[in-house]
């Protein structure tokens, strides 16, 4: 019973961290619950989806992540872009 409580707690924490970073809550809940301590560490170390560069599809104009190989709207295969679009979440401007 103690293991179930610990696994559920780590699963909930990992799911929340994964969701904050823009990924799936369910995926990170399962990973963190199955491997309690390491799953939570992996969720914390995972990248922020909003910080990834983006690109625009030359065929339909849909904006996708730069690491996507296919456009999910029109199905065209991407080459590596010459120009990237800024991430969804840009870092705050520095003030002097």
N, C-alpha and C. Protein backbone atom coordinates (compact mmCIF):
# COMPACT_ATOMS: atom_id res chain seq x y z
N UNK A 1 0.82 -1.20 0.00
CA UNK A 1 0.00 0.00 0.00
C UNK A 1 0.86 1.26 0.00
N UNK A 2 1.99 1.19 0.71
CA UNK A 2 2.88 2.36 0.76
C UNK A 2 3.46 2.66 -0.62
N UNK A 3 3.80 1.60 -1.39
CA UNK A 3 4.35 1.81 -2.73
C UNK A 3 3.33 2.48 -3.65
N UNK A 4 2.08 2.10 -3.54
CA UNK A 4 1.03 2.69 -4.37
C UNK A 4 0.89 4.18 -4.06
N UNK A 5 0.95 4.54 -2.79
CA UNK A 5 0.87 5.94 -2.40
C UNK A 5 2.06 6.73 -2.93
N UNK A 6 3.25 6.16 -2.78
CA UNK A 6 4.46 6.82 -3.29
C UNK A 6 4.41 6.95 -4.80
N UNK A 7 4.01 5.89 -5.50
CA UNK A 7 3.95 5.91 -6.96
C UNK A 7 2.91 6.93 -7.44
N UNK A 8 1.75 6.99 -6.79
CA UNK A 8 0.72 7.97 -7.17
C UNK A 8 1.19 9.40 -6.93
N UNK A 9 1.89 9.62 -5.82
CA UNK A 9 2.40 10.97 -5.52
C UNK A 9 3.44 11.40 -6.55
N UNK A 10 4.40 10.52 -6.84
CA UNK A 10 5.40 10.86 -7.84
C UNK A 10 4.75 10.99 -9.23
N UNK A 11 3.76 10.16 -9.52
CA UNK A 11 3.06 10.25 -10.79
C UNK A 11 2.36 11.58 -10.95
N UNK A 12 1.67 12.02 -9.92
CA UNK A 12 0.99 13.30 -9.95
C UNK A 12 1.98 14.45 -10.12
N UNK A 13 3.08 14.40 -9.37
CA UNK A 13 4.09 15.46 -9.49
C UNK A 13 4.71 15.47 -10.89
N UNK A 14 5.04 14.30 -11.41
CA UNK A 14 5.62 14.23 -12.76
C UNK A 14 4.64 14.68 -13.82
N UNK A 15 3.36 14.34 -13.67
CA UNK A 15 2.35 14.78 -14.62
C UNK A 15 2.17 16.28 -14.63
N UNK A 16 2.20 16.88 -13.46
CA UNK A 16 2.06 18.34 -13.36
C UNK A 16 3.27 19.03 -13.98
N UNK A 17 4.46 18.54 -13.68
CA UNK A 17 5.68 19.13 -14.27
C UNK A 17 5.65 18.98 -15.79
N UNK A 18 5.28 17.81 -16.28
CA UNK A 18 5.21 17.59 -17.72
C UNK A 18 4.20 18.50 -18.39
N UNK A 19 3.06 18.72 -17.76
CA UNK A 19 2.03 19.60 -18.33
C UNK A 19 2.49 21.05 -18.34
N UNK A 20 3.17 21.47 -17.29
CA UNK A 20 3.69 22.84 -17.24
C UNK A 20 4.68 23.07 -18.37
N UNK A 21 5.45 22.04 -18.72
CA UNK A 21 6.44 22.17 -19.78
C UNK A 21 5.83 21.99 -21.16
N UNK A 22 4.52 21.78 -21.26
CA UNK A 22 3.85 21.73 -22.54
C UNK A 22 3.69 20.34 -23.11
N UNK A 23 3.95 19.31 -22.34
CA UNK A 23 3.83 17.94 -22.79
C UNK A 23 2.56 17.32 -22.22
N UNK A 24 2.41 16.02 -22.39
CA UNK A 24 1.22 15.31 -21.96
C UNK A 24 1.25 15.00 -20.47
N UNK A 25 0.18 15.34 -19.77
CA UNK A 25 0.06 15.02 -18.35
C UNK A 25 0.04 13.51 -18.14
N UNK A 26 -0.76 12.81 -18.95
CA UNK A 26 -0.92 11.36 -18.79
C UNK A 26 0.40 10.64 -19.03
N UNK A 27 1.12 11.02 -20.06
CA UNK A 27 2.40 10.39 -20.35
C UNK A 27 3.37 10.52 -19.19
N UNK A 28 3.54 11.72 -18.68
CA UNK A 28 4.49 11.94 -17.58
C UNK A 28 3.97 11.38 -16.27
N UNK A 29 2.65 11.31 -16.09
CA UNK A 29 2.09 10.64 -14.92
C UNK A 29 2.47 9.17 -14.92
N UNK A 30 2.30 8.51 -16.07
CA UNK A 30 2.63 7.09 -16.16
C UNK A 30 4.12 6.83 -15.97
N UNK A 31 4.95 7.64 -16.61
CA UNK A 31 6.40 7.46 -16.47
C UNK A 31 6.83 7.66 -15.02
N UNK A 32 6.34 8.72 -14.40
CA UNK A 32 6.74 9.02 -13.03
C UNK A 32 6.16 8.04 -12.02
N UNK A 33 5.01 7.46 -12.32
CA UNK A 33 4.41 6.48 -11.40
C UNK A 33 5.10 5.13 -11.52
N UNK A 34 5.50 4.75 -12.73
CA UNK A 34 6.14 3.45 -12.92
C UNK A 34 7.57 3.42 -12.40
N UNK A 35 8.28 4.53 -12.56
CA UNK A 35 9.65 4.64 -12.07
C UNK A 35 9.69 5.91 -11.21
N UNK A 36 9.24 5.82 -9.96
CA UNK A 36 8.95 7.02 -9.18
C UNK A 36 10.02 8.11 -9.16
N UNK A 37 11.19 7.87 -8.65
CA UNK A 37 12.16 8.95 -8.50
C UNK A 37 12.75 9.37 -9.85
N UNK A 38 13.16 8.40 -10.65
CA UNK A 38 13.78 8.71 -11.94
C UNK A 38 12.80 9.34 -12.93
N UNK A 39 11.54 8.94 -12.87
CA UNK A 39 10.53 9.52 -13.75
C UNK A 39 10.32 11.00 -13.48
N UNK A 40 10.30 11.37 -12.20
CA UNK A 40 10.15 12.78 -11.86
C UNK A 40 11.38 13.58 -12.27
N UNK A 41 12.56 13.03 -12.09
CA UNK A 41 13.79 13.70 -12.53
C UNK A 41 13.76 13.90 -14.05
N UNK A 42 13.31 12.88 -14.78
CA UNK A 42 13.22 13.00 -16.25
C UNK A 42 12.23 14.08 -16.65
N UNK A 43 11.11 14.17 -15.96
CA UNK A 43 10.11 15.21 -16.26
C UNK A 43 10.68 16.60 -16.01
N UNK A 44 11.45 16.74 -14.95
CA UNK A 44 12.07 18.04 -14.64
C UNK A 44 13.12 18.40 -15.68
N UNK A 45 13.89 17.42 -16.14
CA UNK A 45 14.96 17.68 -17.10
C UNK A 45 14.46 17.80 -18.53
N UNK A 46 13.21 17.45 -18.81
CA UNK A 46 12.65 17.49 -20.15
C UNK A 46 12.57 18.94 -20.64
N UNK A 47 12.68 19.13 -21.93
CA UNK A 47 12.68 20.49 -22.49
C UNK A 47 11.29 21.12 -22.44
N UNK A 48 11.26 22.44 -22.51
CA UNK A 48 10.03 23.20 -22.63
C UNK A 48 9.62 23.20 -24.09
N UNK A 49 8.42 22.75 -24.41
CA UNK A 49 7.94 22.72 -25.79
C UNK A 49 7.81 24.13 -26.36
N UNK A 50 7.49 25.09 -25.51
CA UNK A 50 7.29 26.46 -25.98
C UNK A 50 8.58 27.16 -26.35
N UNK A 51 9.73 26.58 -25.98
CA UNK A 51 11.03 27.19 -26.27
C UNK A 51 11.63 26.69 -27.58
N UNK A 52 10.96 25.77 -28.27
CA UNK A 52 11.47 25.21 -29.52
C UNK A 52 11.23 26.17 -30.69
N UNK A 53 12.21 26.25 -31.58
CA UNK A 53 12.04 27.07 -32.78
C UNK A 53 10.95 26.49 -33.66
N UNK A 54 10.36 27.33 -34.49
CA UNK A 54 9.27 26.88 -35.36
C UNK A 54 9.59 27.21 -36.81
N UNK A 55 8.81 26.64 -37.72
CA UNK A 55 8.93 26.95 -39.15
C UNK A 55 7.54 26.96 -39.77
N UNK A 56 7.45 27.59 -40.94
CA UNK A 56 6.17 27.68 -41.64
C UNK A 56 6.20 26.75 -42.84
N UNK A 57 5.11 26.00 -43.04
CA UNK A 57 5.00 25.08 -44.17
C UNK A 57 4.92 25.89 -45.46
N UNK A 58 5.77 25.57 -46.45
CA UNK A 58 5.74 26.33 -47.69
C UNK A 58 4.49 26.05 -48.53
N UNK A 59 3.81 24.95 -48.26
CA UNK A 59 2.64 24.56 -49.04
C UNK A 59 1.35 25.17 -48.51
N UNK A 60 1.08 24.99 -47.21
CA UNK A 60 -0.20 25.45 -46.65
C UNK A 60 -0.06 26.61 -45.66
N UNK A 61 1.15 26.90 -45.19
CA UNK A 61 1.38 28.02 -44.29
C UNK A 61 1.24 27.70 -42.81
N UNK A 62 0.99 26.45 -42.46
CA UNK A 62 0.86 26.06 -41.04
C UNK A 62 2.22 26.20 -40.34
N UNK A 63 2.21 26.74 -39.13
CA UNK A 63 3.43 26.89 -38.35
C UNK A 63 3.58 25.65 -37.47
N UNK A 64 4.74 24.97 -37.60
CA UNK A 64 5.02 23.75 -36.84
C UNK A 64 6.37 23.88 -36.16
N UNK A 65 6.68 22.95 -35.28
CA UNK A 65 7.98 22.93 -34.62
C UNK A 65 9.06 22.61 -35.66
N UNK A 66 10.25 23.09 -35.44
CA UNK A 66 11.33 22.93 -36.41
C UNK A 66 11.76 21.48 -36.56
N UNK A 67 11.54 20.66 -35.53
CA UNK A 67 11.96 19.26 -35.60
C UNK A 67 10.93 18.35 -36.28
N UNK A 68 9.75 18.87 -36.64
CA UNK A 68 8.75 18.07 -37.35
C UNK A 68 9.24 17.76 -38.76
N UNK A 69 9.04 16.52 -39.21
CA UNK A 69 9.48 16.11 -40.53
C UNK A 69 8.37 16.24 -41.57
N UNK A 70 7.10 16.20 -41.12
CA UNK A 70 5.95 16.29 -42.01
C UNK A 70 4.98 17.34 -41.49
N UNK A 71 4.29 17.98 -42.43
CA UNK A 71 3.22 18.91 -42.06
C UNK A 71 1.99 18.08 -41.72
N UNK A 72 1.38 18.35 -40.58
CA UNK A 72 0.21 17.57 -40.17
C UNK A 72 -1.05 18.00 -40.91
N UNK A 73 -1.03 19.12 -41.58
CA UNK A 73 -2.20 19.58 -42.33
C UNK A 73 -2.19 19.07 -43.76
N UNK A 74 -1.08 19.26 -44.49
CA UNK A 74 -1.08 18.90 -45.92
C UNK A 74 -0.23 17.68 -46.24
N UNK A 75 0.62 17.24 -45.30
CA UNK A 75 1.40 16.02 -45.49
C UNK A 75 2.70 16.19 -46.27
N UNK A 76 3.11 17.42 -46.55
CA UNK A 76 4.35 17.64 -47.30
C UNK A 76 5.55 17.31 -46.39
N UNK A 77 6.59 16.77 -46.98
CA UNK A 77 7.81 16.46 -46.23
C UNK A 77 8.71 17.69 -46.21
N UNK A 78 9.20 18.02 -45.03
CA UNK A 78 10.02 19.22 -44.86
C UNK A 78 11.49 18.94 -45.11
N UNK A 79 12.18 19.93 -45.64
CA UNK A 79 13.63 19.99 -45.65
C UNK A 79 14.02 20.89 -44.48
N UNK A 80 15.29 20.89 -44.10
CA UNK A 80 15.69 21.77 -43.01
C UNK A 80 15.56 23.21 -43.48
N UNK A 81 14.89 24.07 -42.70
CA UNK A 81 14.61 25.44 -43.16
C UNK A 81 15.83 26.35 -43.12
N UNK A 82 15.83 27.33 -44.00
CA UNK A 82 16.86 28.36 -43.99
C UNK A 82 16.58 29.40 -42.90
N UNK A 83 15.28 29.65 -42.66
CA UNK A 83 14.86 30.65 -41.69
C UNK A 83 13.93 29.99 -40.68
N UNK A 84 14.16 30.27 -39.42
CA UNK A 84 13.30 29.75 -38.35
C UNK A 84 12.50 30.89 -37.74
N UNK A 85 11.32 30.54 -37.24
CA UNK A 85 10.45 31.50 -36.57
C UNK A 85 10.76 31.42 -35.07
N UNK A 86 10.64 32.52 -34.39
CA UNK A 86 10.92 32.57 -32.95
C UNK A 86 10.01 31.61 -32.19
N UNK A 87 10.45 31.12 -31.05
CA UNK A 87 9.62 30.23 -30.23
C UNK A 87 8.33 30.92 -29.78
N UNK A 88 7.37 30.12 -29.34
CA UNK A 88 6.10 30.66 -28.85
C UNK A 88 6.32 31.55 -27.64
N UNK A 89 7.18 31.11 -26.76
CA UNK A 89 7.47 31.89 -25.56
C UNK A 89 8.86 32.46 -25.70
N UNK A 90 8.96 33.73 -25.88
CA UNK A 90 10.27 34.37 -26.01
C UNK A 90 10.76 34.78 -24.63
N UNK A 91 12.08 34.76 -24.43
CA UNK A 91 12.59 35.18 -23.12
C UNK A 91 12.29 36.65 -22.86
N UNK A 92 12.13 37.04 -21.60
CA UNK A 92 11.84 38.43 -21.29
C UNK A 92 12.99 39.33 -21.69
N UNK A 93 12.65 40.55 -22.11
CA UNK A 93 13.65 41.52 -22.52
C UNK A 93 14.46 41.98 -21.32
N UNK A 94 15.74 42.17 -21.56
CA UNK A 94 16.61 42.65 -20.48
C UNK A 94 16.52 44.15 -20.36
N UNK A 95 16.55 44.61 -19.16
CA UNK A 95 16.58 46.06 -18.91
C UNK A 95 17.90 46.40 -18.26
N UNK A 96 18.39 47.54 -18.58
CA UNK A 96 19.68 47.96 -18.02
C UNK A 96 19.51 48.86 -16.86
